[in-house]
Amino acid sequence: MIRSMTGFGSTSRTVQGVVVSAEVRALNSRFLDLRFRLPKQLESMEEQMNKKVRESCDRGRITVTFAIEPSNGSSKGALEFDRQIFESYKDLTDKINKDYGCHIPVTDVLDIRKLLTVHEPLELEEASVLEVFDEALSQLHEMRSSEGEVMAADIEKRVTRMESLLKEVGDTTAANAEKFRQEFREKIASMLEGTDVDESRIAMEAAVLSEKADVTEECVRCTSHLEQIDKLVTGDDPAGKRLNFLLQEVVREINTIGSKTADLNIINRVVDLKEESEKIKEQVQNIL
């Protein structure tokens, strides 16, 4: 089943007298964009976390945030305020405000977490920290999968309706073909009344014009694309990019159908097809 590109996972666990909290947040992105916000104690583990994310995520802007706080009643992991960093930021904002007449508070440019450090004499066990990360990452995947199921059901419903609309267009085209040829014959005969007319030539011209207005091929190709979309949304492989390509082809065929016909019933069906394809497009932008 397809998965959503957005999601969130978080968990906390006490490790060596401190509470280690992890958050993994995923947003839309054409490519895989990883961002880590780690306290100093965990910076050496960024490469391992990076590898874990890349093994399970194909696309999306993914932000990993860790926090370390003292557990209740623990003498370890006491928070310390880094006055030097705070005063450096404050001096900078004061200078900007004075030189340029601004009113930028220091809190707008400073992440408070950068001022808080945990005084912990022991290094945290990497295995324990990675377990916390794995749990948060697992929650992210569960949320992505759950959202993907909802999106797949919606897309399948819209694909079914579009296939029904295309069948109506095909049926109407077939019904109109003979009617169009007969009307053409009558029109030519009326214009050339009293003149010998080559009936075979009229039939040939009528057939050519009828062929130009025929949208059977477009309906067949569009239906084929929709069948592929239906298979992709129920499959297990990442499908976002391929779905986007197929949807572009679907829209192209729908536009061609609209440009080749003057039948009001078909034009109304084209409008409905465009509306459904646009709604599917919105969903596809958020699919892995």
C-alpha atoms as a PDB file:
ATOM      1  CA  MET A   1       0.000   0.000   0.000  1.00  0.00           C
ATOM      2  CA  ILE A   2       1.212   3.522  -0.723  1.00  0.00           C
ATOM      3  CA  ARG A   3       2.511   5.670   2.127  1.00  0.00           C
ATOM      4  CA  SER A   4       2.100   9.346   2.876  1.00  0.00           C
ATOM      5  CA  MET A   5       5.168  11.556   2.700  1.00  0.00           C
ATOM      6  CA  THR A   6       4.199  13.390   5.888  1.00  0.00           C
ATOM      7  CA  GLY A   7       4.232  11.925   9.355  1.00  0.00           C
ATOM      8  CA  PHE A   8       5.410  12.266  12.927  1.00  0.00           C
ATOM      9  CA  GLY A   9       6.882   9.995  15.567  1.00  0.00           C
ATOM     10  CA  SER A  10       8.107  10.686  19.100  1.00  0.00           C
ATOM     11  CA  THR A  11       9.172   8.757  22.161  1.00  0.00           C
ATOM     12  CA  SER A  12      11.061   9.183  25.436  1.00  0.00           C
ATOM     13  CA  ARG A  13      13.039   6.823  27.604  1.00  0.00           C
ATOM     14  CA  THR A  14      15.213   7.125  30.715  1.00  0.00           C
ATOM     15  CA  VAL A  15      18.816   6.286  29.900  1.00  0.00           C
ATOM     16  CA  GLN A  16      21.508   6.403  32.613  1.00  0.00           C
ATOM     17  CA  GLY A  17      19.575   8.783  34.825  1.00  0.00           C
ATOM     18  CA  VAL A  18      18.448  11.190  32.101  1.00  0.00           C
ATOM     19  CA  VAL A  19      15.360  11.294  29.897  1.00  0.00           C
ATOM     20  CA  VAL A  20      16.224  10.977  26.220  1.00  0.00           C
ATOM     21  CA  SER A  21      13.455  12.203  23.905  1.00  0.00           C
ATOM     22  CA  ALA A  22      13.368  11.773  20.145  1.00  0.00           C
ATOM     23  CA  GLU A  23      11.104  13.306  17.516  1.00  0.00           C
ATOM     24  CA  VAL A  24      11.051  12.468  13.809  1.00  0.00           C
ATOM     25  CA  ARG A  25       8.975  14.774  11.614  1.00  0.00           C
ATOM     26  CA  ALA A  26       8.490  14.317   7.856  1.00  0.00           C
ATOM     27  CA  LEU A  27       7.198  16.885   5.361  1.00  0.00           C
ATOM     28  CA  ASN A  28       6.808  16.995   1.575  1.00  0.00           C
ATOM     29  CA  SER A  29       9.909  17.211  -0.589  1.00  0.00           C
ATOM     30  CA  ARG A  30      10.814  16.038  -4.083  1.00  0.00           C
ATOM     31  CA  PHE A  31      13.994  14.494  -2.705  1.00  0.00           C
ATOM     32  CA  LEU A  32      15.277  13.109   0.590  1.00  0.00           C
ATOM     33  CA  ASP A  33      16.331  16.044   2.774  1.00  0.00           C
ATOM     34  CA  LEU A  34      17.611  15.134   6.255  1.00  0.00           C
ATOM     35  CA  ARG A  35      18.068  17.577   9.112  1.00  0.00           C
ATOM     36  CA  PHE A  36      19.366  16.724  12.587  1.00  0.00           C
ATOM     37  CA  ARG A  37      19.058  18.749  15.776  1.00  0.00           C
ATOM     38  CA  LEU A  38      21.146  16.895  18.319  1.00  0.00           C
ATOM     39  CA  PRO A  39      22.612  17.892  21.689  1.00  0.00           C
ATOM     40  CA  LYS A  40      26.400  17.769  21.943  1.00  0.00           C
ATOM     41  CA  GLN A  41      26.346  14.395  23.685  1.00  0.00           C
ATOM     42  CA  LEU A  42      24.714  12.774  20.642  1.00  0.00           C
ATOM     43  CA  GLU A  43      26.421  14.545  17.752  1.00  0.00           C
ATOM     44  CA  SER A  44      28.763  11.613  17.216  1.00  0.00           C
ATOM     45  CA  MET A  45      25.728   9.398  16.468  1.00  0.00           C
ATOM     46  CA  GLU A  46      24.387  11.508  13.604  1.00  0.00           C
ATOM     47  CA  GLU A  47      25.951   9.299  10.937  1.00  0.00           C
ATOM     48  CA  GLN A  48      24.292   6.158  12.343  1.00  0.00           C
ATOM     49  CA  MET A  49      20.921   7.909  12.534  1.00  0.00           C
ATOM     50  CA  ASN A  50      21.377   9.241   9.011  1.00  0.00           C
ATOM     51  CA  LYS A  51      21.960   5.716   7.733  1.00  0.00           C
ATOM     52  CA  LYS A  52      18.853   4.377   9.502  1.00  0.00           C
ATOM     53  CA  VAL A  53      16.660   7.077   7.952  1.00  0.00           C
ATOM     54  CA  ARG A  54      18.044   6.501   4.450  1.00  0.00           C
ATOM     55  CA  GLU A  55      17.412   2.760   4.722  1.00  0.00           C
ATOM     56  CA  SER A  56      13.688   3.292   5.318  1.00  0.00           C
ATOM     57  CA  CYS A  57      12.834   6.643   3.714  1.00  0.00           C
ATOM     58  CA  ASP A  58      12.965   7.473   0.006  1.00  0.00           C
ATOM     59  CA  ARG A  59      11.702  11.048  -0.083  1.00  0.00           C
ATOM     60  CA  GLY A  60      10.631  13.859   2.187  1.00  0.00           C
ATOM     61  CA  ARG A  61      12.167  16.563   4.343  1.00  0.00           C
ATOM     62  CA  ILE A  62      12.837  14.698   7.556  1.00  0.00           C
ATOM     63  CA  THR A  63      13.850  16.473  10.756  1.00  0.00           C
ATOM     64  CA  VAL A  64      15.254  14.490  13.668  1.00  0.00           C
ATOM     65  CA  THR A  65      15.253  16.260  17.044  1.00  0.00           C
ATOM     66  CA  PHE A  66      16.695  14.924  20.299  1.00  0.00           C
ATOM     67  CA  ALA A  67      16.451  16.398  23.792  1.00  0.00           C
ATOM     68  CA  ILE A  68      18.123  15.328  27.038  1.00  0.00           C
ATOM     69  CA  GLU A  69      16.615  16.240  30.403  1.00  0.00           C
ATOM     70  CA  PRO A  70      17.182  15.056  33.974  1.00  0.00           C
ATOM     71  CA  SER A  71      14.790  12.407  35.198  1.00  0.00           C
ATOM     72  CA  ASN A  72      12.702  13.127  38.323  1.00  0.00           C
ATOM     73  CA  GLY A  73      14.704  12.802  41.502  1.00  0.00           C
ATOM     74  CA  SER A  74      17.945  12.272  39.657  1.00  0.00           C
ATOM     75  CA  SER A  75      21.058  14.195  40.649  1.00  0.00           C
ATOM     76  CA  LYS A  76      22.531  13.390  37.249  1.00  0.00           C
ATOM     77  CA  GLY A  77      21.807  15.317  34.113  1.00  0.00           C
ATOM     78  CA  ALA A  78      21.403  18.707  35.841  1.00  0.00           C
ATOM     79  CA  LEU A  79      20.639  21.448  33.349  1.00  0.00           C
ATOM     80  CA  GLU A  80      23.169  24.281  33.048  1.00  0.00           C
ATOM     81  CA  PHE A  81      22.609  27.698  31.475  1.00  0.00           C
ATOM     82  CA  ASP A  82      25.273  28.810  29.005  1.00  0.00           C
ATOM     83  CA  ARG A  83      25.488  32.488  29.833  1.00  0.00           C
ATOM     84  CA  GLN A  84      28.300  33.177  27.365  1.00  0.00           C
ATOM     85  CA  ILE A  85      26.285  32.067  24.325  1.00  0.00           C
ATOM     86  CA  PHE A  86      23.238  34.015  25.495  1.00  0.00           C
ATOM     87  CA  GLU A  87      25.203  37.234  25.976  1.00  0.00           C
ATOM     88  CA  SER A  88      26.828  36.834  22.541  1.00  0.00           C
ATOM     89  CA  TYR A  89      23.419  36.648  20.873  1.00  0.00           C
ATOM     90  CA  LYS A  90      22.083  39.534  22.962  1.00  0.00           C
ATOM     91  CA  ASP A  91      25.045  41.769  22.097  1.00  0.00           C
ATOM     92  CA  LEU A  92      24.477  41.004  18.418  1.00  0.00           C
ATOM     93  CA  THR A  93      20.738  41.794  18.447  1.00  0.00           C
ATOM     94  CA  ASP A  94      21.336  44.947  20.506  1.00  0.00           C
ATOM     95  CA  LYS A  95      23.816  46.161  17.897  1.00  0.00           C
ATOM     96  CA  ILE A  96      21.434  45.394  15.002  1.00  0.00           C
ATOM     97  CA  ASN A  97      18.562  47.167  16.774  1.00  0.00           C
ATOM     98  CA  LYS A  98      20.731  50.231  17.481  1.00  0.00           C
ATOM     99  CA  ASP A  99      22.327  50.490  14.029  1.00  0.00           C
ATOM    100  CA  TYR A 100      19.174  49.871  12.006  1.00  0.00           C
ATOM    101  CA  GLY A 101      16.376  51.012  14.282  1.00  0.00           C
ATOM    102  CA  CYS A 102      14.924  47.523  14.564  1.00  0.00           C
ATOM    103  CA  HIS A 103      13.192  45.863  17.481  1.00  0.00           C
ATOM    104  CA  ILE A 104      14.366  42.277  17.175  1.00  0.00           C
ATOM    105  CA  PRO A 105      14.144  40.407  20.484  1.00  0.00           C
ATOM    106  CA  VAL A 106      16.965  38.017  21.187  1.00  0.00           C
ATOM    107  CA  THR A 107      14.457  35.150  21.538  1.00  0.00           C
ATOM    108  CA  ASP A 108      13.597  35.449  17.832  1.00  0.00           C
ATOM    109  CA  VAL A 109      17.103  34.445  16.748  1.00  0.00           C
ATOM    110  CA  LEU A 110      18.076  32.120  19.563  1.00  0.00           C
ATOM    111  CA  ASP A 111      16.977  28.542  20.163  1.00  0.00           C
ATOM    112  CA  ILE A 112      16.661  28.228  23.937  1.00  0.00           C
ATOM    113  CA  ARG A 113      17.824  24.617  23.725  1.00  0.00           C
ATOM    114  CA  LYS A 114      21.259  25.859  22.672  1.00  0.00           C
ATOM    115  CA  LEU A 115      21.590  27.571  26.036  1.00  0.00           C
ATOM    116  CA  LEU A 116      20.802  24.466  28.068  1.00  0.00           C
ATOM    117  CA  THR A 117      23.394  21.771  28.486  1.00  0.00           C
ATOM    118  CA  VAL A 118      23.258  18.644  30.594  1.00  0.00           C
ATOM    119  CA  HIS A 119      26.147  18.127  32.901  1.00  0.00           C
ATOM    120  CA  GLU A 120      26.570  14.393  32.594  1.00  0.00           C
ATOM    121  CA  PRO A 121      29.931  12.839  33.452  1.00  0.00           C
ATOM    122  CA  LEU A 122      29.022   9.552  31.750  1.00  0.00           C
ATOM    123  CA  GLU A 123      28.655   9.085  28.026  1.00  0.00           C
ATOM    124  CA  LEU A 124      25.248   7.800  27.048  1.00  0.00           C
ATOM    125  CA  GLU A 125      25.093   4.269  25.707  1.00  0.00           C
ATOM    126  CA  GLU A 126      24.690   4.467  21.943  1.00  0.00           C
ATOM    127  CA  ALA A 127      22.599   1.305  21.772  1.00  0.00           C
ATOM    128  CA  SER A 128      20.054   2.686  24.230  1.00  0.00           C
ATOM    129  CA  VAL A 129      19.825   6.020  22.455  1.00  0.00           C
ATOM    130  CA  LEU A 130      19.393   4.302  19.084  1.00  0.00           C
ATOM    131  CA  GLU A 131      16.554   2.228  20.519  1.00  0.00           C
ATOM    132  CA  VAL A 132      14.754   5.470  21.360  1.00  0.00           C
ATOM    133  CA  PHE A 133      15.394   6.692  17.812  1.00  0.00           C
ATOM    134  CA  ASP A 134      14.179   3.419  16.276  1.00  0.00           C
ATOM    135  CA  GLU A 135      10.915   3.641  18.199  1.00  0.00           C
ATOM    136  CA  ALA A 136      10.275   7.212  17.034  1.00  0.00           C
ATOM    137  CA  LEU A 137      11.149   6.227  13.465  1.00  0.00           C
ATOM    138  CA  SER A 138       8.789   3.259  13.682  1.00  0.00           C
ATOM    139  CA  GLN A 139       5.940   5.552  14.789  1.00  0.00           C
ATOM    140  CA  LEU A 140       6.665   7.788  11.797  1.00  0.00           C
ATOM    141  CA  HIS A 141       6.352   4.828   9.423  1.00  0.00           C
ATOM    142  CA  GLU A 142       3.108   3.684  11.072  1.00  0.00           C
ATOM    143  CA  MET A 143       1.585   7.124  10.657  1.00  0.00           C
ATOM    144  CA  ARG A 144       2.732   7.311   7.035  1.00  0.00           C
ATOM    145  CA  SER A 145       1.205   3.903   6.330  1.00  0.00           C
ATOM    146  CA  SER A 146      -2.099   4.778   8.011  1.00  0.00           C
ATOM    147  CA  GLU A 147      -2.415   7.991   6.038  1.00  0.00           C
ATOM    148  CA  GLY A 148      -1.423   6.099   2.894  1.00  0.00           C
ATOM    149  CA  GLU A 149      -4.336   3.675   3.308  1.00  0.00           C
ATOM    150  CA  VAL A 150      -6.798   6.568   3.494  1.00  0.00           C
ATOM    151  CA  MET A 151      -5.242   8.234   0.443  1.00  0.00           C
ATOM    152  CA  ALA A 152      -5.266   4.965  -1.529  1.00  0.00           C
ATOM    153  CA  ALA A 153      -8.970   4.432  -0.826  1.00  0.00           C
ATOM    154  CA  ASP A 154      -9.767   7.958  -1.988  1.00  0.00           C
ATOM    155  CA  ILE A 155      -7.700   7.629  -5.181  1.00  0.00           C
ATOM    156  CA  GLU A 156      -9.223   4.234  -6.011  1.00  0.00           C
ATOM    157  CA  LYS A 157     -12.716   5.708  -5.647  1.00  0.00           C
ATOM    158  CA  ARG A 158     -11.871   8.573  -7.996  1.00  0.00           C
ATOM    159  CA  VAL A 159     -10.182   6.281 -10.516  1.00  0.00           C
ATOM    160  CA  THR A 160     -13.321   4.119 -10.629  1.00  0.00           C
ATOM    161  CA  ARG A 161     -15.475   7.171 -11.330  1.00  0.00           C
ATOM    162  CA  MET A 162     -13.090   8.378 -14.047  1.00  0.00           C
ATOM    163  CA  GLU A 163     -13.196   4.968 -15.733  1.00  0.00           C
ATOM    164  CA  SER A 164     -16.994   5.139 -15.706  1.00  0.00           C
ATOM    165  CA  LEU A 165     -16.916   8.646 -17.207  1.00  0.00           C
ATOM    166  CA  LEU A 166     -14.534   7.515 -19.952  1.00  0.00           C
ATOM    167  CA  LYS A 167     -16.859   4.644 -20.818  1.00  0.00           C
ATOM    168  CA  GLU A 168     -19.699   7.125 -21.179  1.00  0.00           C
ATOM    169  CA  VAL A 169     -17.504   9.258 -23.456  1.00  0.00           C
ATOM    170  CA  GLY A 170     -16.637   6.211 -25.586  1.00  0.00           C
ATOM    171  CA  ASP A 171     -20.253   5.114 -25.864  1.00  0.00           C
ATOM    172  CA  THR A 172     -21.351   8.611 -26.827  1.00  0.00           C
ATOM    173  CA  THR A 173     -18.595   8.849 -29.455  1.00  0.00           C
ATOM    174  CA  ALA A 174     -19.628   5.548 -31.018  1.00  0.00           C
ATOM    175  CA  ALA A 175     -23.282   6.586 -31.082  1.00  0.00           C
ATOM    176  CA  ASN A 176     -22.403   9.928 -32.661  1.00  0.00           C
ATOM    177  CA  ALA A 177     -20.226   8.521 -35.461  1.00  0.00           C
ATOM    178  CA  GLU A 178     -22.995   7.301 -37.792  1.00  0.00           C
ATOM    179  CA  LYS A 179     -25.163  10.277 -36.911  1.00  0.00           C
ATOM    180  CA  PHE A 180     -22.317  12.611 -37.856  1.00  0.00           C
ATOM    181  CA  ARG A 181     -21.733  10.918 -41.218  1.00  0.00           C
ATOM    182  CA  GLN A 182     -25.443  11.058 -42.083  1.00  0.00           C
ATOM    183  CA  GLU A 183     -25.707  14.741 -41.197  1.00  0.00           C
ATOM    184  CA  PHE A 184     -22.642  15.479 -43.331  1.00  0.00           C
ATOM    185  CA  ARG A 185     -24.134  13.679 -46.328  1.00  0.00           C
ATOM    186  CA  GLU A 186     -27.406  15.582 -45.987  1.00  0.00           C
ATOM    187  CA  LYS A 187     -25.602  18.907 -45.671  1.00  0.00           C
ATOM    188  CA  ILE A 188     -23.482  18.325 -48.795  1.00  0.00           C
ATOM    189  CA  ALA A 189     -26.464  17.066 -50.760  1.00  0.00           C
ATOM    190  CA  SER A 190     -28.427  20.176 -49.792  1.00  0.00           C
ATOM    191  CA  MET A 191     -25.571  22.468 -50.833  1.00  0.00           C
ATOM    192  CA  LEU A 192     -25.126  20.698 -54.180  1.00  0.00           C
ATOM    193  CA  GLU A 193     -28.816  20.177 -54.964  1.00  0.00           C
ATOM    194  CA  GLY A 194     -29.418  19.559 -58.643  1.00  0.00           C
ATOM    195  CA  THR A 195     -25.782  18.618 -59.236  1.00  0.00           C
ATOM    196  CA  ASP A 196     -24.468  15.148 -59.855  1.00  0.00           C
ATOM    197  CA  VAL A 197     -22.623  14.096 -56.702  1.00  0.00           C
ATOM    198  CA  ASP A 198     -20.147  11.272 -56.238  1.00  0.00           C
ATOM    199  CA  GLU A 199     -21.697   9.421 -53.300  1.00  0.00           C
ATOM    200  CA  SER A 200     -18.473   7.543 -52.574  1.00  0.00           C
ATOM    201  CA  ARG A 201     -16.560  10.823 -52.307  1.00  0.00           C
ATOM    202  CA  ILE A 202     -19.091  12.219 -49.880  1.00  0.00           C
ATOM    203  CA  ALA A 203     -18.887   9.046 -47.802  1.00  0.00           C
ATOM    204  CA  MET A 204     -15.088   9.296 -47.775  1.00  0.00           C
ATOM    205  CA  GLU A 205     -15.081  12.928 -46.656  1.00  0.00           C
ATOM    206  CA  ALA A 206     -17.652  12.158 -43.973  1.00  0.00           C
ATOM    207  CA  ALA A 207     -15.517   9.305 -42.704  1.00  0.00           C
ATOM    208  CA  VAL A 208     -12.413  11.531 -42.541  1.00  0.00           C
ATOM    209  CA  LEU A 209     -14.212  14.228 -40.562  1.00  0.00           C
ATOM    210  CA  SER A 210     -15.755  11.629 -38.304  1.00  0.00           C
ATOM    211  CA  GLU A 211     -12.318  10.137 -37.665  1.00  0.00           C
ATOM    212  CA  LYS A 212     -10.939  13.525 -36.633  1.00  0.00           C
ATOM    213  CA  ALA A 213     -13.675  13.837 -34.017  1.00  0.00           C
ATOM    214  CA  ASP A 214     -13.261  10.258 -32.763  1.00  0.00           C
ATOM    215  CA  VAL A 215     -11.754  10.032 -29.250  1.00  0.00           C
ATOM    216  CA  THR A 216     -11.750   6.257 -28.874  1.00  0.00           C
ATOM    217  CA  GLU A 217      -7.939   6.015 -28.815  1.00  0.00           C
ATOM    218  CA  GLU A 218      -7.674   8.732 -26.183  1.00  0.00           C
ATOM    219  CA  CYS A 219     -10.255   6.946 -24.024  1.00  0.00           C
ATOM    220  CA  VAL A 220      -8.372   3.647 -24.335  1.00  0.00           C
ATOM    221  CA  ARG A 221      -5.001   5.204 -23.419  1.00  0.00           C
ATOM    222  CA  CYS A 222      -6.502   7.162 -20.545  1.00  0.00           C
ATOM    223  CA  THR A 223      -8.194   4.044 -19.180  1.00  0.00           C
ATOM    224  CA  SER A 224      -4.885   2.177 -19.407  1.00  0.00           C
ATOM    225  CA  HIS A 225      -3.132   4.904 -17.401  1.00  0.00           C
ATOM    226  CA  LEU A 226      -5.864   4.787 -14.761  1.00  0.00           C
ATOM    227  CA  GLU A 227      -5.480   1.012 -14.452  1.00  0.00           C
ATOM    228  CA  GLN A 228      -1.757   1.480 -13.809  1.00  0.00           C
ATOM    229  CA  ILE A 229      -2.505   4.133 -11.185  1.00  0.00           C
ATOM    230  CA  ASP A 230      -4.892   1.732  -9.469  1.00  0.00           C
ATOM    231  CA  LYS A 231      -2.187  -0.966  -9.352  1.00  0.00           C
ATOM    232  CA  LEU A 232       0.430   1.427  -7.984  1.00  0.00           C
ATOM    233  CA  VAL A 233      -1.695   2.701  -5.094  1.00  0.00           C
ATOM    234  CA  THR A 234      -2.296  -0.872  -3.916  1.00  0.00           C
ATOM    235  CA  GLY A 235       1.338  -1.943  -4.324  1.00  0.00           C
ATOM    236  CA  ASP A 236       4.104  -1.872  -1.727  1.00  0.00           C
ATOM    237  CA  ASP A 237       6.780   0.032  -3.662  1.00  0.00           C
ATOM    238  CA  PRO A 238       7.297   3.825  -3.515  1.00  0.00           C
ATOM    239  CA  ALA A 239       4.984   5.162  -6.211  1.00  0.00           C
ATOM    240  CA  GLY A 240       4.813   8.952  -5.876  1.00  0.00           C
ATOM    241  CA  LYS A 241       7.015   9.885  -8.834  1.00  0.00           C
ATOM    242  CA  ARG A 242       5.478   7.335 -11.206  1.00  0.00           C
ATOM    243  CA  LEU A 243       1.964   8.292 -10.145  1.00  0.00           C
ATOM    244  CA  ASN A 244       2.753  11.912 -10.899  1.00  0.00           C
ATOM    245  CA  PHE A 245       3.982  10.987 -14.393  1.00  0.00           C
ATOM    246  CA  LEU A 246       0.927   8.837 -15.147  1.00  0.00           C
ATOM    247  CA  LEU A 247      -1.391  11.557 -13.933  1.00  0.00           C
ATOM    248  CA  GLN A 248       0.231  14.027 -16.337  1.00  0.00           C
ATOM    249  CA  GLU A 249      -0.487  11.586 -19.175  1.00  0.00           C
ATOM    250  CA  VAL A 250      -4.083  11.205 -18.013  1.00  0.00           C
ATOM    251  CA  VAL A 251      -4.585  14.979 -18.049  1.00  0.00           C
ATOM    252  CA  ARG A 252      -3.029  15.193 -21.518  1.00  0.00           C
ATOM    253  CA  GLU A 253      -5.488  12.621 -22.897  1.00  0.00           C
ATOM    254  CA  ILE A 254      -8.433  14.357 -21.223  1.00  0.00           C
ATOM    255  CA  ASN A 255      -7.434  17.688 -22.779  1.00  0.00           C
ATOM    256  CA  THR A 256      -7.192  16.053 -26.188  1.00  0.00           C
ATOM    257  CA  ILE A 257     -10.673  14.575 -25.810  1.00  0.00           C
ATOM    258  CA  GLY A 258     -12.023  18.013 -24.945  1.00  0.00           C
ATOM    259  CA  SER A 259     -10.352  19.646 -27.943  1.00  0.00           C
ATOM    260  CA  LYS A 260     -11.653  17.081 -30.457  1.00  0.00           C
ATOM    261  CA  THR A 261     -15.346  17.160 -29.622  1.00  0.00           C
ATOM    262  CA  ALA A 262     -18.198  19.607 -29.807  1.00  0.00           C
ATOM    263  CA  ASP A 263     -20.716  17.282 -28.176  1.00  0.00           C
ATOM    264  CA  LEU A 264     -22.088  18.927 -25.040  1.00  0.00           C
ATOM    265  CA  ASN A 265     -22.473  15.621 -23.175  1.00  0.00           C
ATOM    266  CA  ILE A 266     -18.830  14.724 -23.777  1.00  0.00           C
ATOM    267  CA  ILE A 267     -17.667  18.213 -22.818  1.00  0.00           C
ATOM    268  CA  ASN A 268     -19.525  17.877 -19.505  1.00  0.00           C
ATOM    269  CA  ARG A 269     -17.820  14.526 -18.893  1.00  0.00           C
ATOM    270  CA  VAL A 270     -14.443  16.125 -19.682  1.00  0.00           C
ATOM    271  CA  VAL A 271     -15.094  18.755 -17.010  1.00  0.00           C
ATOM    272  CA  ASP A 272     -15.894  15.993 -14.503  1.00  0.00           C
ATOM    273  CA  LEU A 273     -12.736  14.090 -15.513  1.00  0.00           C
ATOM    274  CA  LYS A 274     -10.573  17.179 -15.017  1.00  0.00           C
ATOM    275  CA  GLU A 275     -12.096  17.770 -11.591  1.00  0.00           C
ATOM    276  CA  GLU A 276     -11.375  14.217 -10.450  1.00  0.00           C
ATOM    277  CA  SER A 277      -7.841  14.259 -11.875  1.00  0.00           C
ATOM    278  CA  GLU A 278      -7.101  17.507 -10.043  1.00  0.00           C
ATOM    279  CA  LYS A 279      -8.204  15.966  -6.751  1.00  0.00           C
ATOM    280  CA  ILE A 280      -6.005  12.934  -7.376  1.00  0.00           C
ATOM    281  CA  LYS A 281      -3.103  15.255  -8.210  1.00  0.00           C
ATOM    282  CA  GLU A 282      -3.432  16.900  -4.791  1.00  0.00           C
ATOM    283  CA  GLN A 283      -3.135  13.476  -3.164  1.00  0.00           C
ATOM    284  CA  VAL A 284      -0.206  12.367  -5.315  1.00  0.00           C
ATOM    285  CA  GLN A 285       1.896  15.340  -4.208  1.00  0.00           C
ATOM    286  CA  ASN A 286       1.939  13.799  -0.727  1.00  0.00           C
ATOM    287  CA  ILE A 287       2.764  10.208  -1.688  1.00  0.00           C
ATOM    288  CA  LEU A 288       6.167   8.596  -1.268  1.00  0.00           C
END
